[in-house]
Amino acid sequence: MNYNVPKVGIIVKAVMTAGTPRAGRVFLAEIARAHSGPERLEEMLNQSEPFIPLSGKGNFSILNKRHLVYLTTSDRGEIDYYRNLITIARREDVRLILRGRKALSGTLLIEMPMGMDRVLDYLNSQRVFLPLLVGKLLALVNCSSIVSLTPTKLISAKKRRT
């Protein structure tokens, strides 16, 4: 019996708690478990398995997701999925300070029930990794690596006052 699940590779850059960023491919199921269409990177990262494979040029690593600060991709299918949410999700431009003093700014697309769509509700929604649109990239940020989050409208207001 063959238990292979057809997969498709997408190019990513992984930023870990230690070492230099690593580029390579992660592999997503061609058919998702919970919906029609391919598995998304966010779904794979939010599954309970603690490790993910990363295949690079001439090397292979198994990464511990707890030590993955964030992962970025320029994969068109991944980014288009989130860009399509812009019409129905609430947008919040934010600046994150991450473990190791790394900063990341981008747009959260908050797709939550009405009345529970604050940034705090979204952060507390049991996701391990949050999607963040960062320019032309999609970043999936490990929530446990977020030291602080500030909506950029608050940063802008503070700069105007000083």
Protein backbone atom coordinates (compact mmCIF):
# COMPACT_ATOMS: atom_id res chain seq x y z
CA MET A 1 0.00 0.00 0.00
CA ASN A 2 1.28 3.46 -0.93
CA TYR A 3 0.79 6.19 1.68
CA ASN A 4 2.43 8.99 -0.29
CA VAL A 5 0.60 12.30 -0.31
CA PRO A 6 1.23 14.31 -3.49
CA LYS A 7 3.07 17.51 -2.53
CA VAL A 8 4.14 20.71 -4.22
CA GLY A 9 7.23 22.67 -3.15
CA ILE A 10 7.23 26.41 -2.53
CA ILE A 11 10.28 28.58 -1.96
CA VAL A 12 10.60 30.14 1.50
CA LYS A 13 13.10 31.88 3.74
CA ALA A 14 13.13 30.71 7.36
CA VAL A 15 14.34 33.01 10.14
CA MET A 16 15.17 30.98 13.22
CA THR A 17 15.95 31.98 16.82
CA ALA A 18 19.60 31.10 16.12
CA GLY A 19 21.79 31.07 13.04
CA THR A 20 21.41 32.79 9.70
CA PRO A 21 18.19 32.80 7.65
CA ARG A 22 17.77 29.66 5.56
CA ALA A 23 16.30 29.54 2.07
CA GLY A 24 14.74 26.44 0.61
CA ARG A 25 11.52 24.67 -0.22
CA VAL A 26 8.78 23.40 2.02
CA PHE A 27 6.24 20.97 0.67
CA LEU A 28 2.48 21.39 0.85
CA ALA A 29 -0.20 18.82 0.07
CA GLU A 30 -1.78 19.25 -3.35
CA ILE A 31 -5.15 18.69 -1.68
CA ALA A 32 -5.87 20.28 1.71
CA ARG A 33 -7.39 18.35 4.60
CA ALA A 34 -10.08 20.91 5.45
CA HIS A 35 -11.10 22.58 2.17
CA SER A 36 -10.96 22.21 -1.59
CA GLY A 37 -7.73 23.23 -3.25
CA PRO A 38 -4.12 22.99 -2.15
CA GLU A 39 -2.89 23.18 1.42
CA ARG A 40 -1.70 26.66 2.42
CA LEU A 41 1.55 27.40 4.20
CA GLU A 42 -0.33 28.77 7.22
CA GLU A 43 -2.26 25.50 7.53
CA MET A 44 0.90 23.40 7.41
CA LEU A 45 2.63 25.57 10.04
CA ASN A 46 -0.41 25.52 12.35
CA GLN A 47 -0.66 21.72 12.38
CA SER A 48 0.37 19.95 15.57
CA GLU A 49 3.54 18.33 14.19
CA PRO A 50 6.51 20.10 15.83
CA PHE A 51 8.95 19.77 12.90
CA ILE A 52 8.93 20.69 9.21
CA PRO A 53 11.37 19.73 6.46
CA LEU A 54 13.26 22.40 4.50
CA SER A 55 15.00 21.34 1.32
CA GLY A 56 17.72 23.72 0.13
CA LYS A 57 20.32 23.71 -2.61
CA GLY A 58 22.35 20.64 -1.85
CA ASN A 59 21.11 20.36 1.74
CA PHE A 60 18.17 19.25 3.80
CA SER A 61 17.14 20.37 7.30
CA ILE A 62 14.38 19.52 9.69
CA LEU A 63 13.29 22.68 11.51
CA ASN A 64 11.70 22.86 14.95
CA LYS A 65 8.68 25.15 14.52
CA ARG A 66 9.04 26.45 18.11
CA HIS A 67 12.37 28.00 17.05
CA LEU A 68 11.04 29.39 13.78
CA VAL A 69 10.60 33.15 14.31
CA TYR A 70 9.02 33.70 10.90
CA LEU A 71 8.98 32.33 7.40
CA THR A 72 8.54 34.40 4.23
CA THR A 73 7.53 33.50 0.71
CA SER A 74 6.92 35.31 -2.55
CA ASP A 75 4.78 32.42 -3.85
CA ARG A 76 2.01 33.98 -5.95
CA GLY A 77 -0.68 31.49 -4.91
CA GLU A 78 0.01 32.03 -1.21
CA ILE A 79 0.03 35.82 -1.49
CA ASP A 80 -3.04 35.96 -3.75
CA TYR A 81 -5.06 33.99 -1.19
CA TYR A 82 -4.46 36.72 1.42
CA ARG A 83 -4.81 39.61 -1.03
CA ASN A 84 -8.27 38.24 -1.90
CA LEU A 85 -9.19 38.43 1.82
CA ILE A 86 -8.73 42.22 1.72
CA THR A 87 -12.34 42.62 0.51
CA ILE A 88 -13.83 40.77 3.53
CA ALA A 89 -11.25 40.97 6.32
CA ARG A 90 -10.41 43.93 8.52
CA ARG A 91 -6.97 45.36 7.75
CA GLU A 92 -4.57 46.46 10.44
CA ASP A 93 -1.12 47.83 9.63
CA VAL A 94 1.23 46.85 12.44
CA ARG A 95 4.84 46.87 13.55
CA LEU A 96 6.05 43.76 15.34
CA ILE A 97 9.06 43.52 17.58
CA LEU A 98 10.16 39.91 17.54
CA ARG A 99 12.42 37.77 19.67
CA GLY A 100 16.03 38.74 19.06
CA ARG A 101 14.98 42.39 18.53
CA LYS A 102 13.98 41.78 14.91
CA ALA A 103 11.30 44.17 13.66
CA LEU A 104 8.74 43.43 10.99
CA SER A 105 6.05 45.78 9.64
CA GLY A 106 3.10 44.77 7.51
CA THR A 107 -0.64 44.24 7.27
CA LEU A 108 -2.69 41.80 9.29
CA LEU A 109 -5.91 40.65 7.64
CA ILE A 110 -8.23 39.94 10.55
CA GLU A 111 -10.91 37.46 9.55
CA MET A 112 -12.82 37.00 12.80
CA PRO A 113 -16.49 37.12 13.85
CA MET A 114 -17.94 40.60 14.27
CA GLY A 115 -17.35 41.91 17.77
CA MET A 116 -14.27 39.69 18.12
CA ASP A 117 -12.17 41.33 15.42
CA ARG A 118 -9.77 43.35 17.54
CA VAL A 119 -6.04 42.76 17.06
CA LEU A 120 -5.92 41.28 20.57
CA ASP A 121 -8.71 38.82 19.70
CA TYR A 122 -6.82 37.79 16.58
CA LEU A 123 -3.55 37.29 18.46
CA ASN A 124 -5.34 35.17 21.06
CA SER A 125 -7.19 33.01 18.49
CA GLN A 126 -5.17 29.83 19.07
CA ARG A 127 -3.07 30.21 15.95
CA VAL A 128 0.59 29.37 16.30
CA PHE A 129 1.57 31.28 13.14
CA LEU A 130 -0.06 34.50 11.92
CA PRO A 131 0.00 35.64 8.28
CA LEU A 132 1.35 39.16 7.70
CA LEU A 133 1.56 40.84 4.29
CA VAL A 134 4.97 42.54 4.13
CA GLY A 135 5.26 44.44 0.86
CA LYS A 136 5.34 41.81 -1.89
CA LEU A 137 5.98 38.98 0.57
CA LEU A 138 3.85 36.88 2.87
CA ALA A 139 5.36 36.36 6.31
CA LEU A 140 4.06 33.71 8.68
CA VAL A 141 5.06 34.85 12.15
CA ASN A 142 5.34 32.56 15.15
CA CYS A 143 3.10 34.14 17.81
CA SER A 144 5.44 33.01 20.56
CA SER A 145 8.17 35.13 18.93
CA ILE A 146 6.12 38.34 19.11
CA VAL A 147 7.49 40.52 21.91
CA SER A 148 5.18 43.44 21.11
CA LEU A 149 2.80 44.63 18.42
CA THR A 150 1.90 48.25 17.73
CA PRO A 151 -0.66 49.40 15.18
CA THR A 152 1.22 51.76 12.86
CA LYS A 153 -1.53 54.38 13.16
CA LEU A 154 -0.47 54.71 16.83
CA ILE A 155 3.18 55.03 15.81
CA SER A 156 2.26 57.74 13.27
CA ALA A 157 0.13 59.63 15.83
CA LYS A 158 2.96 59.55 18.36
CA LYS A 159 5.44 60.94 15.78
CA ARG A 160 3.05 63.80 14.93
CA ARG A 161 2.82 64.79 18.61
CA THR A 162 6.60 64.95 19.08
